[in-house]
Amino acid sequence: MDVYDSLGVSPIINASGAVTRLGGAPMPATVLEAFSEAAKQWAPIEQLQAAASKMIAQVTGAEAGLVSSGSAGALTLGAAAIMTGYDLGRMEQLPHADDFPNEFVVAREHRSGYDHAVRAAGVRFVEVGFNEIVAGAGVRRTEAWEYEAAFTGKTAGVLYTYGSHAHPPLEEVVAMAHNHNLPVLVDAAGELPPRANLMLPTITGANLVAFSGGKAIRGPQSTGILCGSRDLIAAAALQMLDMDDHWDLWEPPAEFIDKQKLKGMPRHGIGRALKVSKEEIVALVTALAVFASSDLASKNETHRKNLELIADALHGTDATCELIESDDHEKLPLLEIQAAPHASTSAMEVCRALRQNTQPIYVGHGKLEEGKLVINPMCLDRDDAEIVGLAIARELG
């Protein structure tokens, strides 16, 4: 019996990609093997995180790195680190941070539900700018000078949500913030590939960058990466690690945490609930190594063929299929299926029917209001693609 069946849960066909609500990306066999091997033995977590830090630094060019509990966990830890540094008193107070700088300047158009992870550390946001293009009120978006105009003695740092269309350019915001000795925390959770984005700390000078470990990297879904300044990574680690030890016995690797900068051991920090296991750390760094060296373009050719198989199954229906490909060959191709305007069954109804299929099928639902189903091939093999194609054709037929 399948492990899901034994729990009374029906496994699905995931045509939505590496989304958290469906369990993330498929882990390669080498990653699963590393996870299993790590589970059979034990290691001090600070030593394991120090080893992971070296590997993350090699891949990203950052000074140091940390394996976190998803990119959301990385954002909470990053915000906490920026507010406290090595200050034990501040660590103890979080999330109550009104006695020291706790404001982060953020563009209004960079706000989302995910920034709750930053606020959880005790951050108060100061919003700047407008997106007048989206509002239909003008031609301008947030500009770099607006960040500087909002800086005060209560400003602890800047939050920037990275993306290919993010504005103003990250480099401009970093330069502006650094002119005032303020660090920049970057949310780049889903911005891989391209793999070049792994170098954001080096290329842009951003102090801390958060990536998801369970999407394109294909590590455990509950993992993430925080990379950047060595001292800030150390401050983040101190607020996540199990600190129940004696000062005279505790010997963290010096290149990871500089014990000489501490007046004592902090208590369990605000990030204690965001711990990661030894298995997750080992699996994540294994997945990162695979991701950094893989031939993504070749893998995408297989994904493309599976999408074409789905499109072929829809010949004879009124649906229109469009293969969406990026100029960057590292990015996954997608298939958009446009239901005919006069069709008796809407895209929403098809999406619902697929979820209620004998073997439930979950397709991308981000464009249902446009009458489109979106197929992400990351979690599909050829057999899955055939089932998806026939099921959609049946619902549209």
Protein backbone atom coordinates (compact mmCIF):
# COMPACT_ATOMS: atom_id res chain seq x y z
CA MET A 1 0.00 0.00 0.00
CA ASP A 2 1.20 3.50 -0.87
CA VAL A 3 2.29 5.56 2.15
CA TYR A 4 -0.35 8.19 1.36
CA ASP A 5 -3.07 5.59 0.94
CA SER A 6 -2.20 4.20 4.36
CA LEU A 7 -3.03 7.62 5.78
CA GLY A 8 -6.26 7.90 3.84
CA VAL A 9 -4.85 10.62 1.56
CA SER A 10 -5.03 10.38 -2.22
CA PRO A 11 -1.74 11.26 -3.98
CA ILE A 12 -2.21 13.71 -6.82
CA ILE A 13 -0.68 14.54 -10.18
CA ASN A 14 1.05 17.87 -9.67
CA ALA A 15 0.89 20.03 -12.79
CA SER A 16 1.34 23.22 -10.75
CA GLY A 17 5.08 22.94 -10.10
CA ALA A 18 7.04 23.41 -6.89
CA VAL A 19 4.27 25.05 -4.88
CA THR A 20 4.31 24.68 -1.11
CA ARG A 21 0.64 23.77 -0.84
CA LEU A 22 1.28 20.61 -2.91
CA GLY A 23 4.56 19.62 -1.28
CA GLY A 24 7.23 21.36 -3.36
CA ALA A 25 9.64 20.09 -5.98
CA PRO A 26 10.69 16.49 -6.59
CA MET A 27 13.99 15.76 -4.85
CA PRO A 28 16.60 14.00 -7.01
CA ALA A 29 17.69 10.51 -5.99
CA THR A 30 21.08 11.80 -4.79
CA VAL A 31 19.34 14.26 -2.47
CA LEU A 32 17.05 11.58 -1.05
CA GLU A 33 20.06 9.33 -0.49
CA ALA A 34 21.92 12.12 1.32
CA PHE A 35 18.88 12.75 3.50
CA SER A 36 18.65 9.06 4.39
CA GLU A 37 22.37 8.72 5.14
CA ALA A 38 22.38 11.81 7.33
CA ALA A 39 19.51 10.38 9.37
CA LYS A 40 21.63 7.38 10.41
CA GLN A 41 24.26 9.43 12.28
CA TRP A 42 24.54 12.55 14.40
CA ALA A 43 26.58 15.75 14.32
CA PRO A 44 26.63 19.04 16.27
CA ILE A 45 24.30 21.30 14.33
CA GLU A 46 26.52 24.38 14.59
CA GLN A 47 29.34 22.39 12.96
CA LEU A 48 27.02 21.13 10.26
CA GLN A 49 25.70 24.64 9.60
CA ALA A 50 29.29 25.92 9.47
CA ALA A 51 30.11 23.33 6.81
CA ALA A 52 26.95 24.28 4.90
CA SER A 53 27.97 27.94 5.19
CA LYS A 54 31.24 27.24 3.39
CA MET A 55 29.47 25.44 0.58
CA ILE A 56 26.80 28.14 0.22
CA ALA A 57 29.55 30.79 0.17
CA GLN A 58 31.34 28.97 -2.64
CA VAL A 59 28.21 28.83 -4.79
CA THR A 60 26.88 32.33 -4.07
CA GLY A 61 30.07 34.31 -3.58
CA ALA A 62 28.69 35.56 -0.25
CA GLU A 63 30.80 35.64 2.89
CA ALA A 64 28.63 33.04 4.63
CA GLY A 65 25.34 31.16 4.47
CA LEU A 66 22.76 29.43 6.60
CA VAL A 67 20.27 26.65 5.92
CA SER A 68 16.91 27.93 7.11
CA SER A 69 13.35 26.67 7.43
CA GLY A 70 12.27 27.87 4.00
CA SER A 71 12.78 31.33 2.60
CA ALA A 72 10.18 32.67 5.03
CA GLY A 73 12.31 31.42 7.92
CA ALA A 74 15.33 33.04 6.27
CA LEU A 75 13.51 36.39 6.16
CA THR A 76 12.58 36.23 9.85
CA LEU A 77 16.13 35.32 10.82
CA GLY A 78 17.60 37.94 8.50
CA ALA A 79 15.41 40.69 9.93
CA ALA A 80 16.25 39.61 13.48
CA ALA A 81 19.98 39.58 12.70
CA ILE A 82 19.86 43.08 11.23
CA MET A 83 18.13 44.45 14.33
CA THR A 84 20.37 42.73 16.89
CA GLY A 85 23.78 41.96 15.45
CA TYR A 86 25.70 40.27 18.29
CA ASP A 87 23.79 42.25 20.95
CA LEU A 88 22.49 39.65 23.44
CA GLY A 89 20.11 42.08 25.12
CA ARG A 90 18.37 42.87 21.86
CA MET A 91 18.14 39.18 21.00
CA GLU A 92 16.42 38.59 24.32
CA GLN A 93 13.84 41.34 23.69
CA LEU A 94 12.64 40.32 20.23
CA PRO A 95 9.99 40.68 18.92
CA HIS A 96 9.64 43.72 21.21
CA ALA A 97 12.05 46.06 19.48
CA ASP A 98 10.75 49.58 20.10
CA ASP A 99 13.78 50.39 22.28
CA PHE A 100 16.18 50.18 19.33
CA PRO A 101 16.01 50.71 15.54
CA ASN A 102 13.38 48.35 14.16
CA GLU A 103 11.98 50.10 11.08
CA PHE A 104 12.53 48.67 7.62
CA VAL A 105 11.90 50.88 4.62
CA VAL A 106 10.05 49.03 1.86
CA ALA A 107 8.43 50.04 -1.41
CA ARG A 108 4.64 49.73 -1.35
CA GLU A 109 4.78 47.67 -4.51
CA HIS A 110 7.15 45.20 -2.78
CA ARG A 111 4.65 44.35 -0.06
CA SER A 112 2.99 40.92 0.00
CA GLY A 113 1.64 38.35 2.43
CA TYR A 114 5.13 36.88 2.62
CA ASP A 115 6.50 39.95 4.38
CA HIS A 116 4.67 38.73 7.47
CA ALA A 117 7.87 36.71 8.01
CA VAL A 118 9.84 39.95 8.39
CA ARG A 119 7.28 41.58 10.67
CA ALA A 120 7.32 38.49 12.88
CA ALA A 121 10.79 39.45 14.09
CA GLY A 122 9.49 42.75 15.46
CA VAL A 123 9.97 44.91 12.38
CA ARG A 124 7.78 47.90 11.64
CA PHE A 125 7.50 48.83 7.97
CA VAL A 126 7.82 52.32 6.59
CA GLU A 127 6.31 52.29 3.09
CA VAL A 128 7.56 54.49 0.27
CA GLY A 129 6.66 55.12 -3.34
CA PHE A 130 3.72 54.30 -5.55
CA ASN A 131 3.13 52.17 -8.63
CA GLU A 132 1.20 54.76 -10.59
CA ILE A 133 1.37 52.67 -13.76
CA VAL A 134 -0.68 49.87 -12.20
CA ALA A 135 -3.00 52.39 -10.55
CA GLY A 136 -3.59 54.11 -13.89
CA ALA A 137 -2.60 57.38 -12.27
CA GLY A 138 0.67 58.14 -14.02
CA VAL A 139 3.88 56.74 -15.49
CA ARG A 140 6.17 56.42 -12.45
CA ARG A 141 7.01 53.69 -9.97
CA THR A 142 8.98 53.80 -6.70
CA GLU A 143 12.26 55.70 -7.02
CA ALA A 144 15.49 55.31 -5.07
CA TRP A 145 15.40 58.80 -3.53
CA GLU A 146 12.16 57.92 -1.76
CA TYR A 147 13.98 55.32 0.34
CA GLU A 148 16.56 57.86 1.45
CA ALA A 149 13.89 60.41 2.32
CA ALA A 150 12.35 57.87 4.73
CA PHE A 151 15.55 57.05 6.63
CA THR A 152 15.55 58.14 10.29
CA GLY A 153 17.28 57.18 13.51
CA LYS A 154 14.74 54.37 13.89
CA THR A 155 15.64 52.80 10.54
CA ALA A 156 17.29 49.40 10.92
CA GLY A 157 17.42 48.39 7.27
CA VAL A 158 15.68 48.00 3.93
CA LEU A 159 13.53 45.15 2.63
CA TYR A 160 13.63 44.55 -1.13
CA THR A 161 11.55 41.99 -3.02
CA TYR A 162 13.63 40.90 -5.99
CA GLY A 163 12.28 39.99 -9.42
CA SER A 164 13.07 40.51 -13.08
CA HIS A 165 10.70 43.51 -13.17
CA ALA A 166 11.40 44.86 -9.67
CA HIS A 167 11.90 48.60 -9.46
CA PRO A 168 13.96 50.58 -8.66
CA PRO A 169 17.03 48.45 -9.50
CA LEU A 170 18.39 46.62 -6.47
CA GLU A 171 21.86 48.04 -7.02
CA GLU A 172 20.52 51.59 -6.67
CA VAL A 173 18.71 50.78 -3.45
CA VAL A 174 21.76 49.03 -1.99
CA ALA A 175 24.01 51.99 -2.84
CA MET A 176 21.52 54.42 -1.29
CA ALA A 177 21.19 52.33 1.89
CA HIS A 178 24.93 51.76 2.25
CA ASN A 179 25.52 55.50 2.05
CA HIS A 180 23.67 55.60 5.37
CA ASN A 181 25.29 52.41 6.77
CA LEU A 182 22.00 50.55 6.49
CA PRO A 183 21.82 46.88 5.44
CA VAL A 184 19.50 45.50 2.75
CA LEU A 185 17.54 42.25 3.14
CA VAL A 186 16.42 40.73 -0.16
CA ASP A 187 13.54 38.32 -0.68
CA ALA A 188 14.50 36.28 -3.76
CA ALA A 189 12.57 33.17 -2.75
CA GLY A 190 11.38 32.09 -6.19
CA GLU A 191 13.99 33.83 -8.34
CA LEU A 192 15.90 30.72 -9.38
CA PRO A 193 16.65 30.06 -12.18
CA PRO A 194 18.55 31.78 -13.61
CA ARG A 195 21.40 30.42 -11.56
CA ALA A 196 23.16 33.76 -11.92
CA ASN A 197 20.78 35.07 -9.27
CA LEU A 198 22.64 32.95 -6.72
CA MET A 199 25.33 35.63 -7.00
CA LEU A 200 23.03 38.48 -5.95
CA PRO A 201 24.98 39.20 -2.72
CA THR A 202 28.16 39.60 -4.75
CA ILE A 203 26.73 41.33 -7.80
CA THR A 204 24.52 43.84 -5.98
CA GLY A 205 26.21 44.16 -2.58
CA ALA A 206 23.00 43.21 -0.76
CA ASN A 207 23.77 42.27 2.85
CA LEU A 208 21.40 39.30 3.10
CA VAL A 209 19.53 37.36 0.42
CA ALA A 210 16.88 34.68 1.01
CA PHE A 211 16.20 31.83 -1.45
CA SER A 212 13.79 28.91 -1.31
CA GLY A 213 15.49 25.53 -1.03
CA GLY A 214 12.44 23.50 -2.06
CA LYS A 215 11.68 25.05 -5.45
CA ALA A 216 14.20 25.09 -8.32
CA ILE A 217 17.05 23.88 -6.09
CA ARG A 218 14.90 20.80 -5.36
CA GLY A 219 15.99 20.33 -1.76
CA PRO A 220 13.59 19.50 1.07
CA GLN A 221 10.49 21.69 0.74
CA SER A 222 10.90 23.03 4.28
CA THR A 223 14.39 24.43 3.64
CA GLY A 224 15.73 27.76 2.48
CA ILE A 225 19.00 29.64 2.20
CA LEU A 226 20.07 32.88 3.83
CA CYS A 227 23.38 34.17 2.49
CA GLY A 228 25.40 37.33 2.85
CA SER A 229 27.48 39.11 5.48
CA ARG A 230 29.37 36.80 7.87
CA ASP A 231 28.44 38.74 11.02
CA LEU A 232 24.77 38.93 10.07
CA ILE A 233 24.67 35.20 9.24
CA ALA A 234 26.24 34.52 12.64
CA ALA A 235 23.63 36.68 14.38
CA ALA A 236 20.88 34.81 12.52
CA ALA A 237 22.34 31.43 13.47
CA LEU A 238 22.64 32.41 17.13
CA GLN A 239 18.91 33.12 17.22
CA MET A 240 18.00 29.77 15.65
CA LEU A 241 20.41 27.22 17.18
CA ASP A 242 19.79 25.20 20.32
CA MET A 243 21.81 27.23 22.84
CA ASP A 244 21.38 24.91 25.83
CA ASP A 245 25.09 24.38 26.54
CA HIS A 246 27.80 25.62 28.92
CA TRP A 247 29.85 28.61 27.79
CA ASP A 248 33.07 26.81 28.68
CA LEU A 249 32.12 23.78 26.57
CA TRP A 250 30.53 25.51 23.59
CA GLU A 251 32.99 25.82 20.70
CA PRO A 252 31.29 26.95 17.50
CA PRO A 253 33.55 27.04 14.42
CA ALA A 254 35.26 30.43 14.55
CA GLU A 255 34.72 31.12 10.85
CA PHE A 256 30.95 30.69 11.39
CA ILE A 257 30.34 32.37 14.77
CA ASP A 258 32.99 34.61 16.36
CA LYS A 259 32.65 33.69 20.03
CA GLN A 260 34.97 36.54 20.99
CA LYS A 261 32.30 39.03 19.96
CA LEU A 262 29.87 37.62 22.53
CA LYS A 263 29.69 38.51 26.22
CA GLY A 264 27.96 35.22 26.95
CA MET A 265 25.58 32.73 25.42
CA PRO A 266 22.19 33.96 24.26
CA ARG A 267 19.09 32.13 25.36
CA HIS A 268 16.99 30.35 22.78
CA GLY A 269 16.21 33.06 20.24
CA ILE A 270 13.20 34.16 18.24
CA GLY A 271 14.26 31.76 15.49
CA ARG A 272 14.24 28.67 17.71
CA ALA A 273 10.93 27.59 16.20
CA LEU A 274 12.56 27.80 12.77
CA LYS A 275 15.09 25.02 13.34
CA VAL A 276 16.21 22.65 10.60
CA SER A 277 17.31 19.06 11.06
CA LYS A 278 20.65 17.48 10.24
CA GLU A 279 18.99 15.58 7.39
CA GLU A 280 17.58 18.77 5.89
CA ILE A 281 20.94 20.57 6.06
CA VAL A 282 22.78 17.73 4.33
CA ALA A 283 20.05 17.28 1.72
CA LEU A 284 19.88 21.00 0.96
CA VAL A 285 23.61 21.43 0.35
CA THR A 286 23.57 18.26 -1.78
CA ALA A 287 20.68 19.67 -3.83
CA LEU A 288 22.46 23.02 -4.16
CA ALA A 289 25.57 21.33 -5.54
CA VAL A 290 23.46 19.41 -8.07
CA PHE A 291 21.54 22.53 -9.07
CA ALA A 292 24.71 24.56 -9.54
CA SER A 293 26.22 21.97 -11.89
CA SER A 294 23.17 20.62 -13.76
CA ASP A 295 22.41 20.98 -17.46
CA LEU A 296 19.10 22.74 -16.94
CA ALA A 297 18.58 23.39 -20.65
CA SER A 298 18.71 19.66 -21.41
CA LYS A 299 16.22 18.91 -18.62
CA ASN A 300 13.92 21.58 -19.97
CA GLU A 301 13.89 19.86 -23.35
CA THR A 302 12.29 16.83 -21.66
CA HIS A 303 9.79 19.13 -19.94
CA ARG A 304 8.98 20.73 -23.29
CA LYS A 305 8.20 17.34 -24.86
CA ASN A 306 5.82 16.51 -22.01
CA LEU A 307 4.02 19.80 -22.52
CA GLU A 308 3.76 19.14 -26.25
CA LEU A 309 2.24 15.75 -25.42
CA ILE A 310 -0.49 17.51 -23.41
CA ALA A 311 -1.09 20.02 -26.20
CA ASP A 312 -1.39 17.22 -28.77
CA ALA A 313 -4.10 15.57 -26.65
CA LEU A 314 -6.18 18.75 -26.94
CA HIS A 315 -6.32 18.74 -30.73
CA GLY A 316 -9.97 18.54 -31.72
CA THR A 317 -11.16 20.58 -28.76
CA ASP A 318 -11.93 24.29 -28.85
CA ALA A 319 -9.03 25.05 -26.52
CA THR A 320 -6.01 27.04 -27.66
CA CYS A 321 -2.57 25.98 -26.39
CA GLU A 322 0.46 28.24 -26.15
CA LEU A 323 3.92 27.07 -25.12
CA ILE A 324 5.50 29.83 -23.05
CA GLU A 325 9.29 29.86 -23.21
CA SER A 326 11.85 32.31 -21.88
CA ASP A 327 14.93 33.62 -23.64
CA ASP A 328 16.76 32.18 -20.63
CA HIS A 329 16.99 28.47 -21.45
CA GLU A 330 17.41 27.64 -17.75
CA LYS A 331 13.82 28.65 -17.00
CA LEU A 332 11.04 26.07 -17.19
CA PRO A 333 8.71 26.19 -20.19
CA LEU A 334 5.01 26.44 -19.37
CA LEU A 335 1.84 25.54 -21.25
CA GLU A 336 -1.14 27.88 -21.19
CA ILE A 337 -4.47 26.38 -22.22
CA GLN A 338 -7.10 28.94 -23.17
CA ALA A 339 -10.66 27.74 -22.92
CA ALA A 340 -12.86 28.94 -25.78
CA PRO A 341 -15.03 31.95 -24.78
CA HIS A 342 -18.18 30.15 -25.94
CA ALA A 343 -17.32 26.86 -24.22
CA SER A 344 -19.99 25.38 -21.99
CA THR A 345 -17.34 24.61 -19.36
CA SER A 346 -15.24 27.45 -17.91
CA ALA A 347 -11.58 27.22 -16.95
CA MET A 348 -12.60 27.40 -13.29
CA GLU A 349 -14.99 24.47 -13.73
CA VAL A 350 -12.34 22.43 -15.54
CA CYS A 351 -9.84 23.16 -12.77
CA ARG A 352 -12.35 22.04 -10.14
CA ALA A 353 -13.26 18.89 -12.09
CA LEU A 354 -9.60 17.94 -12.46
CA ARG A 355 -9.13 18.16 -8.70
CA GLN A 356 -12.11 15.83 -8.30
CA ASN A 357 -10.75 13.35 -10.85
CA THR A 358 -10.30 9.69 -9.85
CA GLN A 359 -6.62 10.57 -9.62
CA PRO A 360 -6.74 14.26 -8.67
CA ILE A 361 -4.89 16.62 -10.99
CA TYR A 362 -3.83 20.08 -9.82
CA VAL A 363 -3.00 22.57 -12.56
CA GLY A 364 -1.81 26.14 -12.19
CA HIS A 365 -4.71 28.41 -11.25
CA GLY A 366 -3.05 31.81 -11.49
CA LYS A 367 -4.80 32.80 -14.72
CA LEU A 368 -8.27 31.31 -14.27
CA GLU A 369 -9.84 34.77 -14.46
CA GLU A 370 -8.38 35.01 -17.97
CA GLY A 371 -9.92 31.64 -18.83
CA LYS A 372 -6.52 29.90 -18.80
CA LEU A 373 -5.14 26.75 -17.23
CA VAL A 374 -1.38 26.82 -16.69
CA ILE A 375 0.67 23.62 -16.79
CA ASN A 376 4.03 23.59 -15.02
CA PRO A 377 5.96 20.42 -15.99
CA MET A 378 8.46 20.26 -13.10
CA CYS A 379 6.69 17.41 -11.29
CA LEU A 380 5.41 15.55 -14.38
CA ASP A 381 6.83 12.52 -16.17
CA ARG A 382 5.64 11.27 -19.55
CA ASP A 383 2.93 9.02 -18.07
CA ASP A 384 1.61 11.91 -15.97
CA ALA A 385 1.57 14.16 -19.03
CA GLU A 386 -0.54 11.65 -20.95
CA ILE A 387 -3.05 11.43 -18.10
CA VAL A 388 -3.23 15.22 -17.77
CA GLY A 389 -3.76 15.73 -21.48
CA LEU A 390 -6.55 13.15 -21.73
CA ALA A 391 -8.26 14.45 -18.57
CA ILE A 392 -8.29 18.07 -19.75
CA ALA A 393 -9.51 17.00 -23.22
CA ARG A 394 -12.32 15.06 -21.62
CA GLU A 395 -13.40 18.02 -19.48
CA LEU A 396 -13.21 20.43 -22.42
CA GLY A 397 -14.78 17.94 -24.85
